[in-house]
N, C-alpha and C. Protein backbone atom coordinates (compact mmCIF):
# COMPACT_ATOMS: atom_id res chain seq x y z
N MET A 1 73.25 -1.35 -28.70
CA MET A 1 72.55 0.33 -28.65
C MET A 1 73.85 1.07 -28.67
N THR A 2 74.29 2.05 -29.17
CA THR A 2 75.15 3.09 -29.15
C THR A 2 75.08 3.83 -27.96
N SER A 3 76.15 4.97 -27.86
CA SER A 3 75.70 5.79 -26.83
C SER A 3 74.93 7.12 -27.64
N GLU A 4 74.79 6.94 -28.46
CA GLU A 4 74.09 8.29 -28.84
C GLU A 4 72.66 7.94 -28.97
N GLU A 5 72.09 6.52 -29.11
CA GLU A 5 70.71 6.15 -29.03
C GLU A 5 70.37 6.34 -27.70
N GLN A 6 71.12 6.02 -26.74
CA GLN A 6 71.05 6.14 -25.21
C GLN A 6 71.00 7.61 -24.93
N HIS A 7 71.53 8.51 -25.05
CA HIS A 7 71.71 9.93 -25.19
C HIS A 7 70.07 10.61 -25.32
N SER A 8 69.54 10.28 -27.02
CA SER A 8 68.46 10.58 -27.36
C SER A 8 67.36 10.06 -26.84
N ASP A 9 67.29 8.83 -26.54
CA ASP A 9 66.43 8.50 -25.63
C ASP A 9 66.16 8.93 -24.22
N THR A 10 67.16 9.15 -23.36
CA THR A 10 67.00 10.12 -22.36
C THR A 10 66.69 11.18 -22.46
N GLN A 11 66.74 12.32 -23.25
CA GLN A 11 66.44 13.62 -24.16
C GLN A 11 64.89 13.24 -24.27
N ILE A 12 64.19 11.93 -25.02
CA ILE A 12 62.58 12.15 -25.24
C ILE A 12 61.81 11.59 -23.81
N ARG A 13 62.62 11.09 -22.51
CA ARG A 13 61.62 10.62 -21.61
C ARG A 13 60.96 11.83 -20.89
N PRO A 14 61.76 12.91 -20.49
CA PRO A 14 61.12 13.65 -19.92
C PRO A 14 60.29 14.45 -20.65
N SER A 15 60.00 14.43 -21.94
CA SER A 15 59.04 15.30 -22.57
C SER A 15 57.77 14.17 -23.01
N GLN A 16 57.71 13.08 -22.34
CA GLN A 16 56.59 11.93 -21.87
C GLN A 16 56.01 12.03 -20.42
N MET A 17 56.74 12.62 -19.77
CA MET A 17 56.10 12.65 -18.56
C MET A 17 54.64 13.19 -18.35
N PRO A 18 53.66 12.92 -17.72
CA PRO A 18 52.19 13.81 -17.52
C PRO A 18 52.72 15.34 -16.83
N PRO A 19 51.98 16.15 -17.57
CA PRO A 19 51.55 17.26 -17.09
C PRO A 19 51.42 17.63 -15.39
N PRO A 20 51.99 18.46 -14.46
CA PRO A 20 51.61 18.68 -13.22
C PRO A 20 49.97 18.77 -13.32
N PRO A 21 49.42 18.77 -12.17
CA PRO A 21 48.03 18.80 -11.86
C PRO A 21 47.53 20.40 -11.96
N PRO A 22 46.56 20.71 -11.63
CA PRO A 22 46.18 22.40 -11.78
C PRO A 22 46.42 22.70 -10.28
N ASN A 23 46.07 23.91 -10.09
CA ASN A 23 46.02 24.30 -8.71
C ASN A 23 45.21 23.87 -8.27
N TRP A 24 43.95 23.75 -8.55
CA TRP A 24 42.60 23.93 -7.96
C TRP A 24 42.76 22.46 -7.63
N VAL A 25 43.26 21.34 -8.17
CA VAL A 25 43.04 19.66 -8.02
C VAL A 25 43.89 19.64 -6.64
N ILE A 26 45.02 20.49 -6.73
CA ILE A 26 45.88 20.35 -5.55
C ILE A 26 45.40 21.09 -4.24
N GLN A 27 44.55 22.20 -4.11
CA GLN A 27 43.25 22.81 -3.07
C GLN A 27 42.71 21.69 -2.94
N LEU A 28 42.02 21.29 -3.94
CA LEU A 28 41.01 20.50 -3.65
C LEU A 28 41.68 19.17 -2.32
N ASN A 29 42.40 18.54 -3.04
CA ASN A 29 43.05 17.67 -2.15
C ASN A 29 43.89 17.71 -0.76
N THR A 30 43.95 18.74 -0.60
CA THR A 30 44.79 19.57 0.32
C THR A 30 44.16 19.80 1.77
N LYS A 31 43.92 19.54 2.79
CA LYS A 31 42.91 20.15 3.68
C LYS A 31 43.59 21.39 4.35
N PRO A 32 42.74 22.13 4.52
CA PRO A 32 42.35 23.81 4.47
C PRO A 32 42.80 23.63 6.19
N SER A 33 43.70 24.66 6.07
CA SER A 33 44.65 25.05 7.72
C SER A 33 43.31 25.56 8.84
N PRO A 34 43.43 25.39 9.85
CA PRO A 34 42.33 25.40 10.98
C PRO A 34 42.28 27.17 11.07
N ARG A 35 41.40 28.00 11.17
CA ARG A 35 41.24 28.97 11.28
C ARG A 35 40.98 29.41 12.77
N PRO A 36 41.27 30.40 13.23
CA PRO A 36 41.25 30.79 14.68
C PRO A 36 39.89 31.40 15.00
N LYS A 37 39.15 30.67 16.09
CA LYS A 37 37.79 31.06 16.23
C LYS A 37 37.56 32.82 16.48
N PRO A 38 37.04 33.62 15.74
CA PRO A 38 37.27 34.79 16.35
C PRO A 38 36.77 35.12 17.52
N PRO A 39 36.71 35.95 18.56
CA PRO A 39 36.76 36.03 19.76
C PRO A 39 35.19 36.62 20.50
N ASN A 40 34.62 37.33 19.44
CA ASN A 40 33.41 37.82 19.18
C ASN A 40 31.97 37.30 18.93
N ILE A 41 32.46 35.84 18.36
CA ILE A 41 31.34 35.19 17.96
C ILE A 41 31.22 33.83 18.96
N SER A 42 30.36 33.66 19.40
CA SER A 42 29.79 32.67 20.61
C SER A 42 29.54 31.48 19.81
N ASP A 43 29.43 30.21 20.60
CA ASP A 43 29.13 28.78 19.69
C ASP A 43 27.89 28.91 19.73
N PRO A 44 27.03 27.91 18.91
CA PRO A 44 25.23 28.33 18.98
C PRO A 44 24.95 27.25 20.19
N PRO A 45 23.70 27.53 20.43
CA PRO A 45 23.31 26.92 21.52
C PRO A 45 23.14 24.91 21.57
N GLY A 46 23.82 24.64 22.41
CA GLY A 46 23.74 23.17 22.70
C GLY A 46 25.03 22.35 21.66
N TYR A 47 25.77 23.52 21.22
CA TYR A 47 27.45 23.01 21.29
C TYR A 47 28.60 23.93 21.81
N SER A 48 29.46 22.70 21.99
CA SER A 48 30.65 23.57 22.72
C SER A 48 32.10 22.77 22.25
N ALA A 49 32.84 23.43 21.87
CA ALA A 49 33.94 23.17 20.67
C ALA A 49 35.08 22.83 21.76
N VAL A 50 35.81 21.51 21.58
CA VAL A 50 36.82 21.14 22.60
C VAL A 50 38.26 21.41 21.65
N SER A 51 39.06 22.17 21.89
CA SER A 51 40.27 22.27 21.19
C SER A 51 40.92 21.61 21.52
N SER A 52 41.66 20.97 20.63
CA SER A 52 42.72 20.05 20.66
C SER A 52 43.52 19.57 19.58
N GLY A 53 44.75 20.56 19.52
CA GLY A 53 45.71 20.54 18.59
C GLY A 53 45.05 21.84 17.25
N SER A 54 44.65 20.77 16.39
CA SER A 54 44.33 21.97 15.46
C SER A 54 42.73 21.05 14.79
N SER A 55 42.15 20.39 16.09
CA SER A 55 41.08 19.51 15.22
C SER A 55 39.92 20.20 16.67
N ARG A 56 38.90 20.09 15.98
CA ARG A 56 37.94 21.12 17.01
C ARG A 56 36.35 19.75 17.11
N VAL A 57 35.95 19.59 17.78
CA VAL A 57 35.25 18.32 18.57
C VAL A 57 34.05 18.52 19.31
N SER A 58 32.67 18.34 18.71
CA SER A 58 31.82 19.05 19.19
C SER A 58 31.20 17.96 20.34
N THR A 59 30.50 18.48 21.62
CA THR A 59 30.37 17.58 22.48
C THR A 59 29.45 16.72 22.17
N ALA A 60 28.76 16.66 21.08
CA ALA A 60 27.69 15.61 20.54
C ALA A 60 28.08 14.36 20.02
N GLN A 61 29.36 14.89 19.54
CA GLN A 61 30.09 13.40 19.18
C GLN A 61 30.76 13.25 19.47
N LEU A 62 31.54 13.89 20.85
CA LEU A 62 31.78 12.77 22.01
C LEU A 62 31.21 12.20 23.02
N GLN A 63 29.47 12.37 23.01
CA GLN A 63 28.93 11.94 23.55
C GLN A 63 27.87 10.94 22.85
N LYS A 64 28.20 10.84 21.59
CA LYS A 64 27.37 9.42 20.51
C LYS A 64 27.91 8.21 21.00
N PRO A 65 29.41 8.10 21.22
CA PRO A 65 29.65 6.46 21.75
C PRO A 65 28.78 6.17 23.15
N ASN A 66 28.76 7.28 23.93
CA ASN A 66 28.39 6.61 24.97
C ASN A 66 27.39 6.12 24.93
N SER A 67 26.21 7.14 24.10
CA SER A 67 24.65 7.32 24.12
C SER A 67 24.59 5.83 23.35
N ALA A 68 25.47 5.66 22.24
CA ALA A 68 25.03 4.07 21.89
C ALA A 68 25.36 3.14 22.76
N SER A 69 26.25 2.96 23.35
CA SER A 69 26.73 2.16 24.01
C SER A 69 25.60 1.96 25.26
N LYS A 70 25.06 2.98 25.83
CA LYS A 70 24.03 2.57 27.00
C LYS A 70 22.61 2.55 25.97
N GLN A 71 22.21 2.56 24.91
CA GLN A 71 21.28 1.97 24.15
C GLN A 71 21.22 0.43 24.51
N GLN A 72 19.85 -0.10 25.00
CA GLN A 72 19.68 -0.85 24.87
C GLN A 72 19.16 -2.11 24.05
N PRO A 73 18.86 -3.07 23.68
CA PRO A 73 18.74 -3.49 22.35
C PRO A 73 17.05 -3.88 22.47
N ARG A 74 16.36 -3.53 21.45
CA ARG A 74 14.96 -3.95 21.16
C ARG A 74 14.33 -5.00 21.40
N ASN A 75 13.53 -5.44 22.54
CA ASN A 75 12.77 -6.48 22.75
C ASN A 75 12.09 -7.23 21.54
N SER A 76 12.24 -8.26 21.64
CA SER A 76 11.41 -9.21 20.28
C SER A 76 9.72 -9.18 20.85
N SER A 77 9.17 -8.93 19.98
CA SER A 77 7.47 -9.19 20.00
C SER A 77 7.22 -10.40 20.63
N THR A 78 6.31 -10.47 21.49
CA THR A 78 6.13 -11.89 22.18
C THR A 78 4.69 -12.47 21.16
N THR A 79 4.52 -13.46 21.54
CA THR A 79 3.53 -13.93 20.77
C THR A 79 1.76 -13.86 21.04
N GLU A 80 1.84 -13.04 22.21
CA GLU A 80 0.47 -12.33 22.32
C GLU A 80 0.53 -10.98 21.47
N GLU A 81 1.83 -10.10 21.62
CA GLU A 81 1.28 -9.11 20.51
C GLU A 81 1.08 -9.47 18.94
N THR A 82 2.10 -10.65 18.49
CA THR A 82 1.75 -10.62 17.28
C THR A 82 0.47 -11.09 16.80
N ASP A 83 -0.02 -11.76 17.93
CA ASP A 83 -1.45 -12.31 17.81
C ASP A 83 -2.41 -11.47 17.44
N THR A 84 -2.33 -10.03 18.64
CA THR A 84 -3.15 -9.20 18.42
C THR A 84 -3.18 -8.09 17.25
N LEU A 85 -1.64 -8.09 16.78
CA LEU A 85 -1.51 -7.38 15.26
C LEU A 85 -2.28 -8.12 14.26
N LYS A 86 -2.10 -9.46 14.33
CA LYS A 86 -2.88 -10.27 13.15
C LYS A 86 -4.47 -9.95 13.31
N LEU A 87 -4.90 -10.28 14.70
CA LEU A 87 -6.46 -9.59 14.72
C LEU A 87 -6.59 -8.42 14.20
N LYS A 88 -6.01 -7.64 14.36
CA LYS A 88 -6.11 -6.15 14.64
C LYS A 88 -6.15 -6.24 12.62
N LYS A 89 -5.37 -7.14 12.20
CA LYS A 89 -5.08 -6.75 10.35
C LYS A 89 -6.40 -7.56 10.12
N SER A 90 -7.25 -8.77 10.81
CA SER A 90 -7.74 -9.54 10.29
C SER A 90 -9.42 -8.88 9.94
N TRP A 91 -9.55 -7.90 11.20
CA TRP A 91 -10.53 -6.75 11.20
C TRP A 91 -10.48 -6.11 9.80
N GLU A 92 -9.62 -5.55 9.85
CA GLU A 92 -9.40 -4.52 8.64
C GLU A 92 -9.46 -5.18 7.20
N LEU A 93 -9.12 -6.22 7.08
CA LEU A 93 -9.66 -7.12 6.13
C LEU A 93 -11.08 -7.72 5.95
N ALA A 94 -12.13 -7.59 7.27
CA ALA A 94 -13.29 -8.17 6.69
C ALA A 94 -14.03 -7.01 6.71
N LEU A 95 -13.67 -5.60 7.45
CA LEU A 95 -14.20 -4.54 6.67
C LEU A 95 -14.45 -3.93 5.83
N ALA A 96 -13.53 -4.30 4.65
CA ALA A 96 -12.78 -3.59 3.92
C ALA A 96 -13.81 -3.61 2.99
N PRO A 97 -14.74 -4.04 2.49
CA PRO A 97 -16.07 -4.48 1.60
C PRO A 97 -16.90 -3.73 1.77
N ALA A 98 -16.93 -2.98 3.40
CA ALA A 98 -18.00 -2.27 3.38
C ALA A 98 -17.70 -0.76 2.89
N LYS A 99 -16.48 -0.61 2.82
CA LYS A 99 -16.03 0.81 2.35
C LYS A 99 -16.18 0.89 0.77
N GLN A 100 -16.43 -0.12 0.38
CA GLN A 100 -16.80 -0.02 -1.19
C GLN A 100 -18.24 -0.15 -1.92
N LEU A 101 -19.15 -0.32 -0.38
CA LEU A 101 -20.53 -0.23 -0.70
C LEU A 101 -20.90 1.33 -0.79
N PRO A 102 -20.80 2.13 -0.47
CA PRO A 102 -21.34 3.70 -1.04
C PRO A 102 -20.90 3.84 -2.52
N MET A 103 -19.64 3.96 -2.83
CA MET A 103 -19.23 3.95 -3.89
C MET A 103 -20.18 3.09 -5.40
N ASN A 104 -20.15 1.45 -4.96
CA ASN A 104 -20.82 0.83 -5.40
C ASN A 104 -22.32 0.99 -5.66
N ALA A 105 -22.89 1.54 -4.67
CA ALA A 105 -24.37 1.57 -4.76
C ALA A 105 -24.69 3.30 -5.86
N ILE A 106 -23.41 4.08 -5.37
CA ILE A 106 -23.61 5.41 -6.28
C ILE A 106 -23.38 5.11 -7.93
N MET A 107 -22.75 4.16 -7.97
CA MET A 107 -22.50 3.83 -9.48
C MET A 107 -23.41 3.12 -10.24
N MET A 108 -24.15 2.23 -9.26
CA MET A 108 -25.11 1.47 -9.67
C MET A 108 -26.51 2.53 -10.20
N TYR A 109 -26.58 3.53 -9.10
CA TYR A 109 -27.57 4.40 -9.20
C TYR A 109 -27.41 5.30 -10.65
N MET A 110 -26.12 5.65 -10.96
CA MET A 110 -25.99 6.64 -12.14
C MET A 110 -26.06 5.64 -13.15
N SER A 111 -25.51 4.77 -13.37
CA SER A 111 -25.92 3.87 -14.56
C SER A 111 -27.12 3.70 -15.16
N GLY A 112 -28.19 3.93 -14.29
CA GLY A 112 -29.45 3.86 -15.08
C GLY A 112 -30.11 2.24 -14.99
N ASN A 113 -31.63 2.24 -15.04
CA ASN A 113 -32.33 1.06 -15.38
C ASN A 113 -32.22 0.29 -16.50
N SER A 114 -31.49 0.75 -17.66
CA SER A 114 -31.53 0.54 -19.27
C SER A 114 -30.43 -0.51 -19.35
N LEU A 115 -31.27 -1.66 -20.29
CA LEU A 115 -30.06 -2.79 -20.38
C LEU A 115 -29.09 -2.19 -21.36
N GLN A 116 -27.97 -1.64 -20.89
CA GLN A 116 -26.72 -1.23 -22.01
C GLN A 116 -25.36 -1.90 -21.81
N ILE A 117 -24.32 -2.04 -22.14
CA ILE A 117 -23.08 -2.37 -21.94
C ILE A 117 -22.75 -2.15 -20.43
N PHE A 118 -22.90 -0.95 -20.12
CA PHE A 118 -22.19 -0.28 -19.24
C PHE A 118 -23.11 -0.87 -18.07
N SER A 119 -23.84 -0.82 -17.99
CA SER A 119 -24.56 -1.72 -16.78
C SER A 119 -24.49 -3.09 -16.26
N VAL A 120 -24.90 -3.52 -17.44
CA VAL A 120 -24.66 -4.79 -17.46
C VAL A 120 -23.28 -5.46 -16.96
N MET A 121 -22.34 -4.76 -17.24
CA MET A 121 -20.77 -5.33 -16.75
C MET A 121 -20.59 -4.88 -15.24
N MET A 122 -21.51 -3.59 -15.30
CA MET A 122 -21.16 -3.37 -13.62
C MET A 122 -21.87 -4.11 -12.88
N VAL A 123 -23.08 -4.48 -13.33
CA VAL A 123 -23.94 -5.63 -12.34
C VAL A 123 -23.25 -7.19 -12.00
N PHE A 124 -22.23 -7.33 -13.63
CA PHE A 124 -21.56 -8.78 -13.64
C PHE A 124 -20.34 -8.66 -12.42
N MET A 125 -19.74 -7.50 -12.61
CA MET A 125 -18.70 -7.49 -11.24
C MET A 125 -19.28 -7.04 -10.07
N LEU A 126 -20.42 -6.83 -9.83
CA LEU A 126 -20.87 -6.44 -8.59
C LEU A 126 -21.27 -8.03 -7.97
N PHE A 127 -21.77 -9.14 -8.95
CA PHE A 127 -21.53 -10.14 -8.63
C PHE A 127 -20.60 -10.96 -8.38
N LYS A 128 -19.66 -10.68 -9.26
CA LYS A 128 -18.61 -11.57 -9.16
C LYS A 128 -17.50 -11.88 -8.59
N ASN A 129 -17.47 -10.22 -7.77
CA ASN A 129 -16.09 -10.05 -6.33
C ASN A 129 -16.52 -10.44 -5.23
N PRO A 130 -17.85 -10.59 -5.10
CA PRO A 130 -18.52 -10.87 -3.63
C PRO A 130 -18.54 -12.73 -3.65
N ALA A 131 -18.79 -13.45 -4.61
CA ALA A 131 -18.69 -14.66 -4.98
C ALA A 131 -17.21 -15.20 -5.10
N GLN A 132 -16.15 -14.63 -5.60
CA GLN A 132 -14.90 -15.03 -5.73
C GLN A 132 -14.64 -14.82 -3.88
N ALA A 133 -15.01 -14.01 -3.42
CA ALA A 133 -14.40 -13.46 -2.07
C ALA A 133 -14.66 -14.85 -0.97
N LEU A 134 -16.64 -15.26 -1.17
CA LEU A 134 -16.83 -15.92 -0.57
C LEU A 134 -16.29 -17.40 -0.95
N LEU A 135 -15.99 -17.64 -2.24
CA LEU A 135 -15.21 -19.02 -2.14
C LEU A 135 -13.69 -19.13 -2.04
N GLY A 136 -13.18 -17.94 -1.54
CA GLY A 136 -11.66 -17.78 -1.13
C GLY A 136 -11.61 -17.67 0.22
N LEU A 137 -12.60 -17.66 0.99
CA LEU A 137 -12.96 -17.20 2.57
C LEU A 137 -11.38 -17.71 3.39
N ASN A 138 -11.18 -19.34 3.22
CA ASN A 138 -10.27 -19.72 4.12
C ASN A 138 -8.87 -19.26 3.43
N GLN A 139 -9.05 -19.08 2.20
CA GLN A 139 -7.10 -18.80 2.04
C GLN A 139 -7.40 -16.82 2.55
N ALA A 140 -8.20 -16.04 2.16
CA ALA A 140 -7.74 -15.03 2.49
C ALA A 140 -7.51 -14.75 3.99
N PHE A 141 -7.88 -15.63 4.98
CA PHE A 141 -7.57 -15.51 6.20
C PHE A 141 -6.57 -16.55 6.94
N ALA A 142 -6.05 -17.22 5.82
CA ALA A 142 -4.91 -18.14 6.16
C ALA A 142 -3.88 -17.95 6.91
N ARG A 143 -3.47 -16.31 6.28
CA ARG A 143 -2.37 -15.78 6.84
C ARG A 143 -2.73 -15.28 8.65
N PHE A 144 -3.46 -14.87 9.01
CA PHE A 144 -4.13 -14.09 10.10
C PHE A 144 -3.92 -15.83 11.29
N GLU A 145 -4.41 -17.12 10.74
CA GLU A 145 -4.65 -18.19 11.43
C GLU A 145 -3.35 -18.24 12.22
N THR A 146 -3.59 -18.51 13.43
CA THR A 146 -2.46 -19.13 14.45
C THR A 146 -2.85 -19.98 15.58
N PRO A 147 -2.38 -20.53 16.40
CA PRO A 147 -2.81 -21.41 17.41
C PRO A 147 -3.68 -20.37 18.68
N GLY A 148 -3.22 -19.14 18.72
CA GLY A 148 -3.97 -18.32 19.38
C GLY A 148 -4.92 -16.94 18.72
N THR A 149 -5.00 -17.50 17.31
CA THR A 149 -6.42 -16.25 16.90
C THR A 149 -7.31 -17.36 16.39
N ARG A 150 -6.97 -18.56 16.39
CA ARG A 150 -8.02 -19.64 15.30
C ARG A 150 -9.09 -19.70 16.49
N GLY A 151 -9.44 -19.41 17.85
CA GLY A 151 -10.63 -19.27 18.44
C GLY A 151 -11.73 -18.59 18.25
N ARG A 152 -10.72 -16.72 17.83
CA ARG A 152 -11.21 -15.38 17.68
C ARG A 152 -11.74 -15.26 16.15
N LEU A 153 -11.18 -16.16 15.24
CA LEU A 153 -10.92 -15.65 14.37
C LEU A 153 -12.70 -15.96 13.69
N TRP A 154 -13.36 -16.69 14.40
CA TRP A 154 -15.01 -17.09 13.50
C TRP A 154 -15.80 -15.57 13.69
N ALA A 155 -15.58 -15.03 14.14
CA ALA A 155 -16.28 -13.69 14.33
C ALA A 155 -15.56 -12.79 13.45
N VAL A 156 -14.78 -12.99 12.94
CA VAL A 156 -13.94 -12.02 12.19
C VAL A 156 -14.89 -12.41 10.64
N LYS A 157 -14.65 -13.80 10.01
CA LYS A 157 -14.96 -14.62 9.18
C LYS A 157 -16.43 -14.23 8.97
N ALA A 158 -17.07 -14.28 9.85
CA ALA A 158 -19.06 -14.16 10.05
C ALA A 158 -19.27 -12.75 9.58
N VAL A 159 -18.32 -11.76 9.89
CA VAL A 159 -18.54 -10.10 9.56
C VAL A 159 -17.58 -9.84 8.18
N TYR A 160 -16.82 -10.96 7.34
CA TYR A 160 -16.75 -10.97 5.94
C TYR A 160 -17.45 -11.24 5.33
N VAL A 161 -18.23 -12.43 5.71
CA VAL A 161 -19.54 -12.87 4.83
C VAL A 161 -20.59 -12.01 5.12
N LEU A 162 -20.87 -11.38 5.86
CA LEU A 162 -22.01 -10.26 6.28
C LEU A 162 -21.51 -9.35 4.77
N MET A 163 -20.70 -8.54 5.09
CA MET A 163 -20.38 -7.78 3.75
C MET A 163 -20.23 -8.04 2.69
N GLN A 164 -20.01 -9.42 2.27
CA GLN A 164 -20.25 -9.71 0.71
C GLN A 164 -21.64 -10.15 0.73
N LEU A 165 -22.43 -10.60 1.34
CA LEU A 165 -23.54 -10.97 1.59
C LEU A 165 -24.28 -9.38 0.89
N VAL A 166 -24.28 -8.63 1.73
CA VAL A 166 -24.60 -7.19 1.76
C VAL A 166 -24.21 -6.61 0.28
N ALA A 167 -23.11 -7.32 -0.28
CA ALA A 167 -23.00 -6.48 -1.70
C ALA A 167 -23.65 -7.20 -2.57
N LEU A 168 -24.06 -8.46 -2.37
CA LEU A 168 -24.80 -9.21 -3.37
C LEU A 168 -25.89 -8.87 -3.54
N SER A 169 -26.73 -8.35 -2.18
CA SER A 169 -28.04 -8.03 -2.24
C SER A 169 -28.29 -6.76 -2.84
N LEU A 170 -26.78 -5.66 -2.85
CA LEU A 170 -26.79 -4.78 -3.73
C LEU A 170 -26.83 -5.18 -5.11
N GLY A 171 -26.37 -6.20 -5.70
CA GLY A 171 -26.14 -6.56 -7.28
C GLY A 171 -28.22 -6.89 -7.38
N ILE A 172 -28.54 -7.81 -6.40
CA ILE A 172 -29.93 -8.12 -6.51
C ILE A 172 -30.85 -6.89 -7.08
N TRP A 173 -30.31 -5.90 -6.02
CA TRP A 173 -31.47 -4.83 -6.25
C TRP A 173 -31.43 -4.11 -7.38
N LYS A 174 -30.05 -4.34 -8.01
CA LYS A 174 -29.86 -3.60 -8.88
C LYS A 174 -30.74 -4.37 -10.25
N VAL A 175 -30.06 -5.59 -9.96
CA VAL A 175 -30.94 -6.08 -11.39
C VAL A 175 -32.79 -6.34 -11.21
N ASN A 176 -33.14 -6.10 -9.94
CA ASN A 176 -34.40 -5.89 -9.92
C ASN A 176 -35.11 -4.63 -10.36
N ASP A 177 -34.05 -3.71 -10.56
CA ASP A 177 -34.81 -2.57 -10.81
C ASP A 177 -34.41 -2.24 -12.68
N MET A 178 -33.48 -2.88 -13.00
CA MET A 178 -33.55 -3.19 -14.30
C MET A 178 -34.45 -4.24 -15.02
N GLY A 179 -35.48 -4.67 -13.83
CA GLY A 179 -36.28 -5.81 -14.88
C GLY A 179 -36.34 -7.18 -14.83
N LEU A 180 -35.06 -7.30 -14.28
CA LEU A 180 -34.75 -8.67 -15.01
C LEU A 180 -34.92 -9.95 -14.34
N LEU A 181 -35.74 -9.70 -12.98
CA LEU A 181 -36.40 -10.64 -11.95
C LEU A 181 -37.52 -10.88 -12.10
N PRO A 182 -38.29 -12.18 -12.25
CA PRO A 182 -39.61 -12.19 -12.51
C PRO A 182 -40.14 -12.14 -10.81
N THR A 183 -40.81 -10.88 -10.77
CA THR A 183 -40.86 -10.32 -9.46
C THR A 183 -42.48 -9.82 -9.97
N THR A 184 -42.80 -9.66 -10.67
CA THR A 184 -44.42 -9.48 -11.18
C THR A 184 -45.26 -10.79 -11.92
N ARG A 185 -46.69 -10.46 -11.81
CA ARG A 185 -47.20 -11.49 -12.24
C ARG A 185 -47.49 -11.39 -13.37
N SER A 186 -47.18 -10.63 -14.69
CA SER A 186 -47.08 -10.81 -15.71
C SER A 186 -45.71 -11.43 -16.81
N ASP A 187 -44.75 -11.95 -15.16
CA ASP A 187 -43.38 -12.64 -15.94
C ASP A 187 -44.00 -14.29 -15.39
N TRP A 188 -44.95 -14.16 -15.18
CA TRP A 188 -45.67 -16.29 -14.91
C TRP A 188 -46.92 -16.03 -15.70
N LEU A 189 -47.04 -15.20 -16.66
CA LEU A 189 -48.52 -15.93 -17.64
C LEU A 189 -48.33 -17.21 -18.30
N ALA A 190 -47.24 -17.66 -18.39
CA ALA A 190 -47.34 -19.26 -18.80
C ALA A 190 -47.72 -20.11 -17.84
N TRP A 191 -48.00 -19.59 -16.25
CA TRP A 191 -48.52 -20.93 -15.55
C TRP A 191 -49.81 -20.61 -15.07
N GLU A 192 -50.25 -19.24 -15.70
CA GLU A 192 -51.67 -18.91 -15.42
C GLU A 192 -52.66 -19.42 -16.01
N THR A 193 -53.95 -19.97 -15.29
CA THR A 193 -54.68 -20.93 -16.09
C THR A 193 -56.31 -19.90 -16.21
N GLU A 194 -56.55 -19.90 -17.30
CA GLU A 194 -57.61 -19.10 -17.62
C GLU A 194 -59.39 -19.68 -17.03
N ARG A 195 -59.53 -18.27 -16.64
CA ARG A 195 -60.61 -18.27 -15.60
C ARG A 195 -62.05 -18.79 -16.41
N GLU A 196 -62.75 -19.55 -15.81
CA GLU A 196 -63.83 -20.07 -16.16
C GLU A 196 -65.26 -19.21 -15.90
N PRO A 197 -66.26 -18.64 -16.97
CA PRO A 197 -66.78 -17.60 -16.66
C PRO A 197 -68.04 -18.21 -15.80
N LEU A 198 -68.62 -17.57 -14.71
CA LEU A 198 -69.41 -18.33 -14.40
C LEU A 198 -71.14 -18.19 -15.06
N GLU A 199 -70.99 -17.10 -15.84
CA GLU A 199 -72.23 -16.74 -17.03
C GLU A 199 -71.69 -16.22 -18.10
N ARG A 200 -72.80 -16.49 -19.08
CA ARG A 200 -72.36 -15.77 -20.16
C ARG A 200 -73.41 -14.79 -20.92
N VAL A 201 -73.21 -13.67 -21.04
CA VAL A 201 -74.26 -12.71 -21.77
C VAL A 201 -73.94 -12.74 -23.28
N ILE A 202 -75.49 -12.49 -23.81
CA ILE A 202 -75.73 -13.08 -25.44
C ILE A 202 -76.50 -12.05 -25.67
N PRO A 203 -75.80 -11.28 -26.29
CA PRO A 203 -76.50 -9.67 -26.94
C PRO A 203 -77.77 -10.30 -27.97
N ALA A 204 -79.02 -9.99 -27.36
CA ALA A 204 -80.40 -10.20 -28.42
C ALA A 204 -80.71 -8.79 -29.34
N PHE A 205 -81.03 -9.33 -30.48
CA PHE A 205 -81.20 -8.31 -31.69
C PHE A 205 -82.69 -8.24 -31.52
């Protein structure tokens, strides 16, 4: 490489350098200089600044490590507390069907007694959900069963079964109103025997 090419290369390099950053970037990256506190403005309640050179530290920040060090670790829950909490949750699960009974009763009443797709679907769901709940009784309360709660869960299960039976009785009432249950004498005419008359009257002409 000749000296002229080296000289031209040194002249091109300064033009390829990136431009200096704008003024707002320099101000953003530069920490602001501390301003002196006006003498006529007092600190807000609960705040007292400590001047140390150019930094001001609040009392809350100074006391934060001490309070964190004095904070005691949270004790782990005991077995009795866990069993009590599980028993409470199991009662909530057992009483949950009772909260749906008023809504189901209103929907059964509003659907009418005629045979239509809406009323038939409502009655089907009213029988299906309690039946599935009764079949899955042990699975529903398996997560709450522990050695400490096993003896007290029988009452919870009994209430749960009672609520499901009440829901089934609501479905039976609705089916009876729709005329689908053979509860009248006319539904059993095939098993009725013909009455034998004791006397016969023949008109005379």
